[in-house]
C-alpha atoms as a PDB file:
ATOM      1  CA  MET A   1      66.973 125.370  98.662  1.00  0.00           C
ATOM      2  CA  HIS A   2      66.850 122.144 101.009  1.00  0.00           C
ATOM      3  CA  LEU A   3      68.192 122.445 104.428  1.00  0.00           C
ATOM      4  CA  TYR A   4      67.534 119.526 106.676  1.00  0.00           C
ATOM      5  CA  HIS A   5      68.520 118.067 110.133  1.00  0.00           C
ATOM      6  CA  CYS A   6      70.619 120.882 111.377  1.00  0.00           C
ATOM      7  CA  GLU A   7      70.394 121.204 114.914  1.00  0.00           C
ATOM      8  CA  ARG A   8      72.214 124.097 115.685  1.00  0.00           C
ATOM      9  CA  VAL A   9      71.203 126.297 112.918  1.00  0.00           C
ATOM     10  CA  GLU A  10      69.219 129.655 114.300  1.00  0.00           C
ATOM     11  CA  GLU A  11      69.558 131.438 111.674  1.00  0.00           C
ATOM     12  CA  LEU A  12      69.767 130.638 107.601  1.00  0.00           C
ATOM     13  CA  LEU A  13      71.991 133.939 107.285  1.00  0.00           C
ATOM     14  CA  PRO A  14      74.688 135.032 109.583  1.00  0.00           C
ATOM     15  CA  PRO A  15      73.727 138.171 111.335  1.00  0.00           C
ATOM     16  CA  THR A  16      76.860 139.950 110.015  1.00  0.00           C
ATOM     17  CA  LEU A  17      76.051 139.460 106.638  1.00  0.00           C
ATOM     18  CA  VAL A  18      74.558 142.633 104.993  1.00  0.00           C
ATOM     19  CA  CYS A  19      72.063 141.334 102.546  1.00  0.00           C
ATOM     20  CA  ALA A  20      70.701 143.321  99.419  1.00  0.00           C
ATOM     21  CA  ASP A  21      67.040 143.172  98.787  1.00  0.00           C
ATOM     22  CA  GLU A  22      67.326 140.800  96.049  1.00  0.00           C
ATOM     23  CA  SER A  23      70.406 138.598  97.174  1.00  0.00           C
ATOM     24  CA  PHE A  24      68.648 135.709  96.297  1.00  0.00           C
ATOM     25  CA  PRO A  25      66.852 136.545  92.709  1.00  0.00           C
ATOM     26  CA  LYS A  26      66.498 132.807  91.404  1.00  0.00           C
ATOM     27  CA  LEU A  27      65.590 131.237  94.508  1.00  0.00           C
ATOM     28  CA  SER A  28      62.280 129.485  93.704  1.00  0.00           C
ATOM     29  CA  GLU A  29      61.843 126.936  96.530  1.00  0.00           C
ATOM     30  CA  LEU A  30      62.249 126.838 100.317  1.00  0.00           C
ATOM     31  CA  HIS A  31      62.492 123.593 102.406  1.00  0.00           C
ATOM     32  CA  LEU A  32      63.143 123.423 105.809  1.00  0.00           C
ATOM     33  CA  ALA A  33      62.688 120.555 107.927  1.00  0.00           C
ATOM     34  CA  HIS A  34      63.935 119.310 111.277  1.00  0.00           C
ATOM     35  CA  LEU A  35      65.572 122.487 111.984  1.00  0.00           C
ATOM     36  CA  PRO A  36      64.620 122.332 115.812  1.00  0.00           C
ATOM     37  CA  LYS A  37      66.439 126.258 116.525  1.00  0.00           C
ATOM     38  CA  LEU A  38      65.956 127.847 113.524  1.00  0.00           C
ATOM     39  CA  ARG A  39      64.413 131.391 114.290  1.00  0.00           C
ATOM     40  CA  ARG A  40      64.334 132.849 111.355  1.00  0.00           C
ATOM     41  CA  ILE A  41      66.173 133.060 107.972  1.00  0.00           C
ATOM     42  CA  CYS A  42      67.516 136.471 108.178  1.00  0.00           C
ATOM     43  CA  ARG A  43      67.712 139.468 110.737  1.00  0.00           C
ATOM     44  CA  HIS A  44      66.915 141.703 107.544  1.00  0.00           C
ATOM     45  CA  LEU A  45      63.945 141.686 105.259  1.00  0.00           C
ATOM     46  CA  LEU A  46      64.268 140.149 101.742  1.00  0.00           C
ATOM     47  CA  SER A  47      62.145 140.317  98.840  1.00  0.00           C
ATOM     48  CA  PHE A  48      63.085 136.823  97.464  1.00  0.00           C
ATOM     49  CA  PRO A  49      61.243 137.970  93.862  1.00  0.00           C
ATOM     50  CA  SER A  50      61.066 134.449  92.368  1.00  0.00           C
ATOM     51  CA  LEU A  51      60.147 132.344  95.522  1.00  0.00           C
ATOM     52  CA  GLN A  52      57.241 130.359  94.643  1.00  0.00           C
ATOM     53  CA  PHE A  53      56.969 127.218  97.347  1.00  0.00           C
ATOM     54  CA  ILE A  54      57.628 127.147 100.805  1.00  0.00           C
ATOM     55  CA  GLN A  55      57.861 124.179 102.910  1.00  0.00           C
ATOM     56  CA  VAL A  56      58.462 124.308 107.029  1.00  0.00           C
ATOM     57  CA  HIS A  57      58.278 120.836 108.739  1.00  0.00           C
ATOM     58  CA  GLN A  58      58.989 120.646 112.509  1.00  0.00           C
ATOM     59  CA  CYS A  59      61.104 124.072 112.615  1.00  0.00           C
ATOM     60  CA  PRO A  60      58.829 124.855 116.147  1.00  0.00           C
ATOM     61  CA  GLU A  61      61.037 128.055 116.689  1.00  0.00           C
ATOM     62  CA  LEU A  62      60.675 129.332 113.342  1.00  0.00           C
ATOM     63  CA  ARG A  63      58.571 132.553 113.894  1.00  0.00           C
ATOM     64  CA  GLU A  64      59.615 135.093 111.100  1.00  0.00           C
ATOM     65  CA  LEU A  65      59.711 134.341 107.537  1.00  0.00           C
ATOM     66  CA  SER A  66      61.596 137.714 106.834  1.00  0.00           C
ATOM     67  CA  LEU A  67      59.823 139.196 103.640  1.00  0.00           C
ATOM     68  CA  LEU A  68      60.059 142.639 102.627  1.00  0.00           C
ATOM     69  CA  PRO A  69      56.131 144.101 101.926  1.00  0.00           C
ATOM     70  CA  GLN A  70      56.893 143.438  97.974  1.00  0.00           C
ATOM     71  CA  GLY A  71      58.244 140.078  98.695  1.00  0.00           C
ATOM     72  CA  GLY A  72      56.410 137.021  98.175  1.00  0.00           C
ATOM     73  CA  THR A  73      54.174 138.193  95.382  1.00  0.00           C
ATOM     74  CA  LYS A  74      54.957 134.673  93.138  1.00  0.00           C
ATOM     75  CA  ILE A  75      54.374 132.707  96.431  1.00  0.00           C
ATOM     76  CA  ARG A  76      51.704 129.941  95.255  1.00  0.00           C
ATOM     77  CA  GLN A  77      52.348 127.721  98.101  1.00  0.00           C
ATOM     78  CA  ILE A  78      53.353 127.783 101.777  1.00  0.00           C
ATOM     79  CA  CYS A  79      52.982 124.314 103.401  1.00  0.00           C
ATOM     80  CA  GLY A  80      53.568 123.325 106.985  1.00  0.00           C
ATOM     81  CA  GLU A  81      51.997 122.279 110.437  1.00  0.00           C
ATOM     82  CA  GLN A  82      48.857 124.265 111.386  1.00  0.00           C
ATOM     83  CA  GLU A  83      50.707 125.287 114.724  1.00  0.00           C
ATOM     84  CA  TRP A  84      53.435 126.979 113.190  1.00  0.00           C
ATOM     85  CA  TRP A  85      51.370 128.752 111.021  1.00  0.00           C
ATOM     86  CA  ASP A  86      49.151 130.089 113.820  1.00  0.00           C
ATOM     87  CA  ALA A  87      52.310 131.085 115.830  1.00  0.00           C
ATOM     88  CA  LEU A  88      54.269 132.781 112.639  1.00  0.00           C
ATOM     89  CA  GLU A  89      54.906 136.724 113.165  1.00  0.00           C
ATOM     90  CA  TRP A  90      55.438 138.417 109.986  1.00  0.00           C
ATOM     91  CA  ALA A  91      58.165 140.783 110.280  1.00  0.00           C
ATOM     92  CA  ASN A  92      57.111 143.377 108.009  1.00  0.00           C
ATOM     93  CA  ILE A  93      57.978 147.385 107.882  1.00  0.00           C
ATOM     94  CA  ASN A  94      54.940 148.651 106.550  1.00  0.00           C
ATOM     95  CA  GLU A  95      52.019 146.051 107.371  1.00  0.00           C
ATOM     96  CA  ASP A  96      51.087 144.641 111.107  1.00  0.00           C
ATOM     97  CA  SER A  97      51.863 140.742 111.660  1.00  0.00           C
ATOM     98  CA  HIS A  98      47.837 140.037 111.465  1.00  0.00           C
ATOM     99  CA  THR A  99      47.326 142.167 108.086  1.00  0.00           C
ATOM    100  CA  ALA A 100      50.719 140.558 106.515  1.00  0.00           C
ATOM    101  CA  LYS A 101      49.500 136.914 107.294  1.00  0.00           C
ATOM    102  CA  LEU A 102      46.245 137.634 105.774  1.00  0.00           C
ATOM    103  CA  ARG A 103      47.801 138.574 102.262  1.00  0.00           C
ATOM    104  CA  PHE A 104      49.457 134.635 102.588  1.00  0.00           C
ATOM    105  CA  SER A 105      46.351 132.868 104.384  1.00  0.00           C
ATOM    106  CA  ASN A 106      44.946 131.791 100.904  1.00  0.00           C
ATOM    107  CA  ARG A 107      48.127 130.174  99.724  1.00  0.00           C
ATOM    108  CA  PHE A 108      48.592 128.453 103.230  1.00  0.00           C
ATOM    109  CA  MET A 109      48.262 124.343 103.021  1.00  0.00           C
ATOM    110  CA  PRO A 110      48.235 122.602 106.524  1.00  0.00           C
ATOM    111  CA  LYS A 111      50.783 119.435 106.467  1.00  0.00           C
ATOM    112  CA  LYS A 112      48.251 116.572 106.374  1.00  0.00           C
ATOM    113  CA  THR A 113      48.932 113.890 108.847  1.00  0.00           C
ATOM    114  CA  GLN A 114      48.635 111.366 106.170  1.00  0.00           C
ATOM    115  CA  ALA A 115      51.538 108.964 105.716  1.00  0.00           C
ATOM    116  CA  PHE A 116      52.932 108.229 101.934  1.00  0.00           C
ATOM    117  CA  ALA A 117      54.771 105.433 100.775  1.00  0.00           C
ATOM    118  CA  ALA A 118      58.552 106.735  99.610  1.00  0.00           C
ATOM    119  CA  GLY A 119      58.216 106.722  95.800  1.00  0.00           C
ATOM    120  CA  GLN A 120      54.519 107.544  95.904  1.00  0.00           C
ATOM    121  CA  LYS A 121      52.989 110.431  93.368  1.00  0.00           C
ATOM    122  CA  ILE A 122      50.547 112.606  94.958  1.00  0.00           C
ATOM    123  CA  LEU A 123      48.434 115.204  93.035  1.00  0.00           C
ATOM    124  CA  VAL A 124      48.396 118.675  94.720  1.00  0.00           C
ATOM    125  CA  ARG A 125      45.907 120.996  93.794  1.00  0.00           C
ATOM    126  CA  ASN A 126      44.872 124.799  94.378  1.00  0.00           C
ATOM    127  CA  ASN A 127      42.576 127.065  92.646  1.00  0.00           C
ATOM    128  CA  GLU A 128      45.397 127.781  89.748  1.00  0.00           C
ATOM    129  CA  GLU A 129      46.874 124.800  88.845  1.00  0.00           C
ATOM    130  CA  GLU A 130      47.820 120.928  89.349  1.00  0.00           C
ATOM    131  CA  ARG A 131      51.162 119.752  90.568  1.00  0.00           C
ATOM    132  CA  VAL A 132      52.199 115.962  90.563  1.00  0.00           C
ATOM    133  CA  LEU A 133      54.967 115.637  93.425  1.00  0.00           C
ATOM    134  CA  ARG A 134      57.192 112.550  94.263  1.00  0.00           C
ATOM    135  CA  VAL A 135      57.008 111.435  98.034  1.00  0.00           C
ATOM    136  CA  PHE A 136      60.641 111.408  99.711  1.00  0.00           C
ATOM    137  CA  PRO A 137      61.546 109.270 102.110  1.00  0.00           C
ATOM    138  CA  ARG A 138      60.253 110.534 105.657  1.00  0.00           C
ATOM    139  CA  LEU A 139      63.144 112.709 107.037  1.00  0.00           C
ATOM    140  CA  GLU A 140      63.276 111.657 110.848  1.00  0.00           C
END
């Protein structure tokens, strides 16, 4: 799922929507950018059983990722600004925010300030694998 440049969006899912635990069973990537009023994904905690990558860019009000304790087990990488990560609160019914954040801290990759040219390929490495990504034009 990719969501960019929606200045009025405060939540991805409306508060009146009742979500089942596995409402998004096949969602593997979540890319959020330039959403200045986005505060949370959903008021309800969700498991996102297939979610592997989260990328957040210029979403200064996003403070909750709405993951259930058993959720996010397949997350391999979370990318975003360091300031965003530091301010992130984990809404979790079985863990305090700090403990939940520690579970994912080894998967967080701070967004680099280095600019890449559109179309350029970059290599992203973590302990388990390497991925080649194509850089898309900058969204501003």
